[in-house]
Amino acid sequence: MPEMTFSVRWPDGTEVACYSPSLVMHDFLDEGADYPLQEFVERSSAALDLASDRVRATFGFVCTSALQQKSEIHEKAADFDGGDVRILRMAPPLPVDQAAFPARSTGASA
């Protein structure tokens, strides 16, 4: 299961690197996109829950790192009344065959 990082800029300009045990983040967030704070929290939480579920399906246990990242996102988001979160980088990128035909069920604000 490929791991990835996604770097974000919070409304106060703080930049942080976040972790996911799965490339599923690409299905929920777009590099270079701005998301209203609450939308970012909802999208990243859903993606990290799914990533943890994928670890459980593969290895028989949840990914505590994904759950910790989700918790850190919620804690940081509580510092703000609103604003946008920008997705700065997502690494690694989607493989070319998946990037050409993404299976997205969610739209992203740009």
C-alpha atoms as a PDB file:
ATOM      1  CA  MET A   1       0.000   0.000   0.000  1.00  0.00           C
ATOM      2  CA  PRO A   2       1.717   3.214  -1.110  1.00  0.00           C
ATOM      3  CA  GLU A   3       2.058   5.942   1.484  1.00  0.00           C
ATOM      4  CA  MET A   4       1.891   9.617   0.670  1.00  0.00           C
ATOM      5  CA  THR A   5       2.228  13.077   2.103  1.00  0.00           C
ATOM      6  CA  PHE A   6       0.102  16.094   1.368  1.00  0.00           C
ATOM      7  CA  SER A   7       1.295  19.545   2.342  1.00  0.00           C
ATOM      8  CA  VAL A   8      -1.230  22.215   3.260  1.00  0.00           C
ATOM      9  CA  ARG A   9      -1.253  25.919   4.045  1.00  0.00           C
ATOM     10  CA  TRP A  10      -3.664  26.831   6.834  1.00  0.00           C
ATOM     11  CA  PRO A  11      -5.576  30.151   6.894  1.00  0.00           C
ATOM     12  CA  ASP A  12      -2.843  31.753   9.048  1.00  0.00           C
ATOM     13  CA  GLY A  13      -0.140  30.878   6.498  1.00  0.00           C
ATOM     14  CA  THR A  14       1.269  27.957   8.486  1.00  0.00           C
ATOM     15  CA  GLU A  15       2.433  25.139   6.213  1.00  0.00           C
ATOM     16  CA  VAL A  16       2.467  21.529   7.386  1.00  0.00           C
ATOM     17  CA  ALA A  17       3.112  18.141   5.828  1.00  0.00           C
ATOM     18  CA  CYS A  18       0.420  15.547   6.504  1.00  0.00           C
ATOM     19  CA  TYR A  19       0.587  11.763   6.179  1.00  0.00           C
ATOM     20  CA  SER A  20      -1.693   9.182   4.610  1.00  0.00           C
ATOM     21  CA  PRO A  21      -1.050   5.433   4.336  1.00  0.00           C
ATOM     22  CA  SER A  22      -2.865   5.425   0.999  1.00  0.00           C
ATOM     23  CA  LEU A  23      -3.020   7.410  -2.239  1.00  0.00           C
ATOM     24  CA  VAL A  24      -6.762   7.759  -1.603  1.00  0.00           C
ATOM     25  CA  MET A  25      -6.144  11.411  -0.689  1.00  0.00           C
ATOM     26  CA  HIS A  26      -6.022  12.082  -4.450  1.00  0.00           C
ATOM     27  CA  ASP A  27      -9.703  11.101  -4.624  1.00  0.00           C
ATOM     28  CA  PHE A  28     -10.640  13.787  -2.092  1.00  0.00           C
ATOM     29  CA  LEU A  29      -8.172  16.656  -2.556  1.00  0.00           C
ATOM     30  CA  ASP A  30      -6.502  18.340  -5.527  1.00  0.00           C
ATOM     31  CA  GLU A  31      -3.004  19.771  -5.472  1.00  0.00           C
ATOM     32  CA  GLY A  32      -3.151  23.546  -5.839  1.00  0.00           C
ATOM     33  CA  ALA A  33      -6.805  23.769  -4.779  1.00  0.00           C
ATOM     34  CA  ASP A  34      -8.189  25.973  -2.024  1.00  0.00           C
ATOM     35  CA  TYR A  35     -10.887  24.510   0.220  1.00  0.00           C
ATOM     36  CA  PRO A  36     -13.015  26.328   2.771  1.00  0.00           C
ATOM     37  CA  LEU A  37     -11.805  25.222   6.211  1.00  0.00           C
ATOM     38  CA  GLN A  38     -14.784  23.017   7.064  1.00  0.00           C
ATOM     39  CA  GLU A  39     -14.779  21.384   3.634  1.00  0.00           C
ATOM     40  CA  PHE A  40     -11.071  20.580   3.968  1.00  0.00           C
ATOM     41  CA  VAL A  41     -11.671  19.014   7.390  1.00  0.00           C
ATOM     42  CA  GLU A  42     -14.558  16.925   6.040  1.00  0.00           C
ATOM     43  CA  ARG A  43     -12.697  15.794   2.904  1.00  0.00           C
ATOM     44  CA  SER A  44      -9.428  14.989   4.639  1.00  0.00           C
ATOM     45  CA  SER A  45     -11.236  13.192   7.476  1.00  0.00           C
ATOM     46  CA  ALA A  46     -13.231  11.038   5.066  1.00  0.00           C
ATOM     47  CA  ALA A  47     -10.078  10.224   3.090  1.00  0.00           C
ATOM     48  CA  LEU A  48      -8.049   9.344   6.188  1.00  0.00           C
ATOM     49  CA  ASP A  49     -10.867   7.148   7.513  1.00  0.00           C
ATOM     50  CA  LEU A  50     -10.948   5.327   4.178  1.00  0.00           C
ATOM     51  CA  ALA A  51      -7.154   5.015   4.174  1.00  0.00           C
ATOM     52  CA  SER A  52      -7.251   3.506   7.660  1.00  0.00           C
ATOM     53  CA  ASP A  53     -10.011   1.109   6.559  1.00  0.00           C
ATOM     54  CA  ARG A  54      -7.828   0.001   3.639  1.00  0.00           C
ATOM     55  CA  VAL A  55      -4.993  -0.757   6.046  1.00  0.00           C
ATOM     56  CA  ARG A  56      -7.412  -2.761   8.210  1.00  0.00           C
ATOM     57  CA  ALA A  57      -8.639  -4.724   5.181  1.00  0.00           C
ATOM     58  CA  THR A  58      -5.068  -5.509   4.142  1.00  0.00           C
ATOM     59  CA  PHE A  59      -3.324  -6.038   7.488  1.00  0.00           C
ATOM     60  CA  GLY A  60      -6.118  -6.655   9.996  1.00  0.00           C
ATOM     61  CA  PHE A  61      -5.665  -3.466  12.056  1.00  0.00           C
ATOM     62  CA  VAL A  62      -6.459   0.222  11.629  1.00  0.00           C
ATOM     63  CA  CYS A  63      -3.751   2.721  10.807  1.00  0.00           C
ATOM     64  CA  THR A  64      -3.132   4.708  13.959  1.00  0.00           C
ATOM     65  CA  SER A  65      -0.977   7.160  11.983  1.00  0.00           C
ATOM     66  CA  ALA A  66      -3.952   8.035   9.757  1.00  0.00           C
ATOM     67  CA  LEU A  67      -6.183   8.453  12.802  1.00  0.00           C
ATOM     68  CA  GLN A  68      -3.549  10.625  14.492  1.00  0.00           C
ATOM     69  CA  GLN A  69      -3.255  12.790  11.370  1.00  0.00           C
ATOM     70  CA  LYS A  70      -7.026  13.203  11.314  1.00  0.00           C
ATOM     71  CA  SER A  71      -6.954  14.259  14.965  1.00  0.00           C
ATOM     72  CA  GLU A  72      -4.181  16.789  14.288  1.00  0.00           C
ATOM     73  CA  ILE A  73      -6.163  18.272  11.406  1.00  0.00           C
ATOM     74  CA  HIS A  74      -9.224  18.670  13.638  1.00  0.00           C
ATOM     75  CA  GLU A  75      -7.148  20.255  16.413  1.00  0.00           C
ATOM     76  CA  LYS A  76      -5.493  22.744  14.050  1.00  0.00           C
ATOM     77  CA  ALA A  77      -8.810  23.591  12.354  1.00  0.00           C
ATOM     78  CA  ALA A  78     -10.272  24.494  15.753  1.00  0.00           C
ATOM     79  CA  ASP A  79      -7.830  27.434  15.867  1.00  0.00           C
ATOM     80  CA  PHE A  80      -9.715  29.195  13.038  1.00  0.00           C
ATOM     81  CA  ASP A  81     -13.186  30.662  12.519  1.00  0.00           C
ATOM     82  CA  GLY A  82     -12.966  30.145   8.762  1.00  0.00           C
ATOM     83  CA  GLY A  83     -10.712  30.819   5.835  1.00  0.00           C
ATOM     84  CA  ASP A  84      -9.273  28.561   3.188  1.00  0.00           C
ATOM     85  CA  VAL A  85      -6.816  25.700   3.275  1.00  0.00           C
ATOM     86  CA  ARG A  86      -4.584  25.335   0.206  1.00  0.00           C
ATOM     87  CA  ILE A  87      -3.233  21.967  -0.899  1.00  0.00           C
ATOM     88  CA  LEU A  88       0.390  22.778  -1.761  1.00  0.00           C
ATOM     89  CA  ARG A  89       1.795  19.377  -2.701  1.00  0.00           C
ATOM     90  CA  MET A  90       0.704  15.761  -2.929  1.00  0.00           C
ATOM     91  CA  ALA A  91       3.469  13.180  -3.203  1.00  0.00           C
ATOM     92  CA  PRO A  92       3.696  10.829  -4.815  1.00  0.00           C
ATOM     93  CA  PRO A  93       1.366  11.898  -7.618  1.00  0.00           C
ATOM     94  CA  LEU A  94      -1.193   9.492  -8.975  1.00  0.00           C
ATOM     95  CA  PRO A  95       0.221   6.927 -11.414  1.00  0.00           C
ATOM     96  CA  VAL A  96      -0.322   8.089 -15.006  1.00  0.00           C
ATOM     97  CA  ASP A  97      -2.967   5.434 -15.763  1.00  0.00           C
ATOM     98  CA  GLN A  98      -5.065   6.540 -12.763  1.00  0.00           C
ATOM     99  CA  ALA A  99      -4.491  10.253 -13.317  1.00  0.00           C
ATOM    100  CA  ALA A 100      -5.858  10.019 -16.866  1.00  0.00           C
ATOM    101  CA  PHE A 101      -9.162   8.571 -15.639  1.00  0.00           C
ATOM    102  CA  PRO A 102      -9.638   9.511 -11.995  1.00  0.00           C
ATOM    103  CA  ALA A 103     -12.502   7.778 -10.236  1.00  0.00           C
ATOM    104  CA  ARG A 104     -13.675  10.817  -8.326  1.00  0.00           C
ATOM    105  CA  SER A 105     -16.979  10.946  -6.634  1.00  0.00           C
ATOM    106  CA  THR A 106     -16.256  14.371  -5.149  1.00  0.00           C
ATOM    107  CA  GLY A 107     -15.667  17.658  -6.906  1.00  0.00           C
ATOM    108  CA  ALA A 108     -12.973  20.024  -5.748  1.00  0.00           C
ATOM    109  CA  SER A 109     -13.034  23.753  -5.573  1.00  0.00           C
ATOM    110  CA  ALA A 110     -10.180  25.340  -7.413  1.00  0.00           C
END
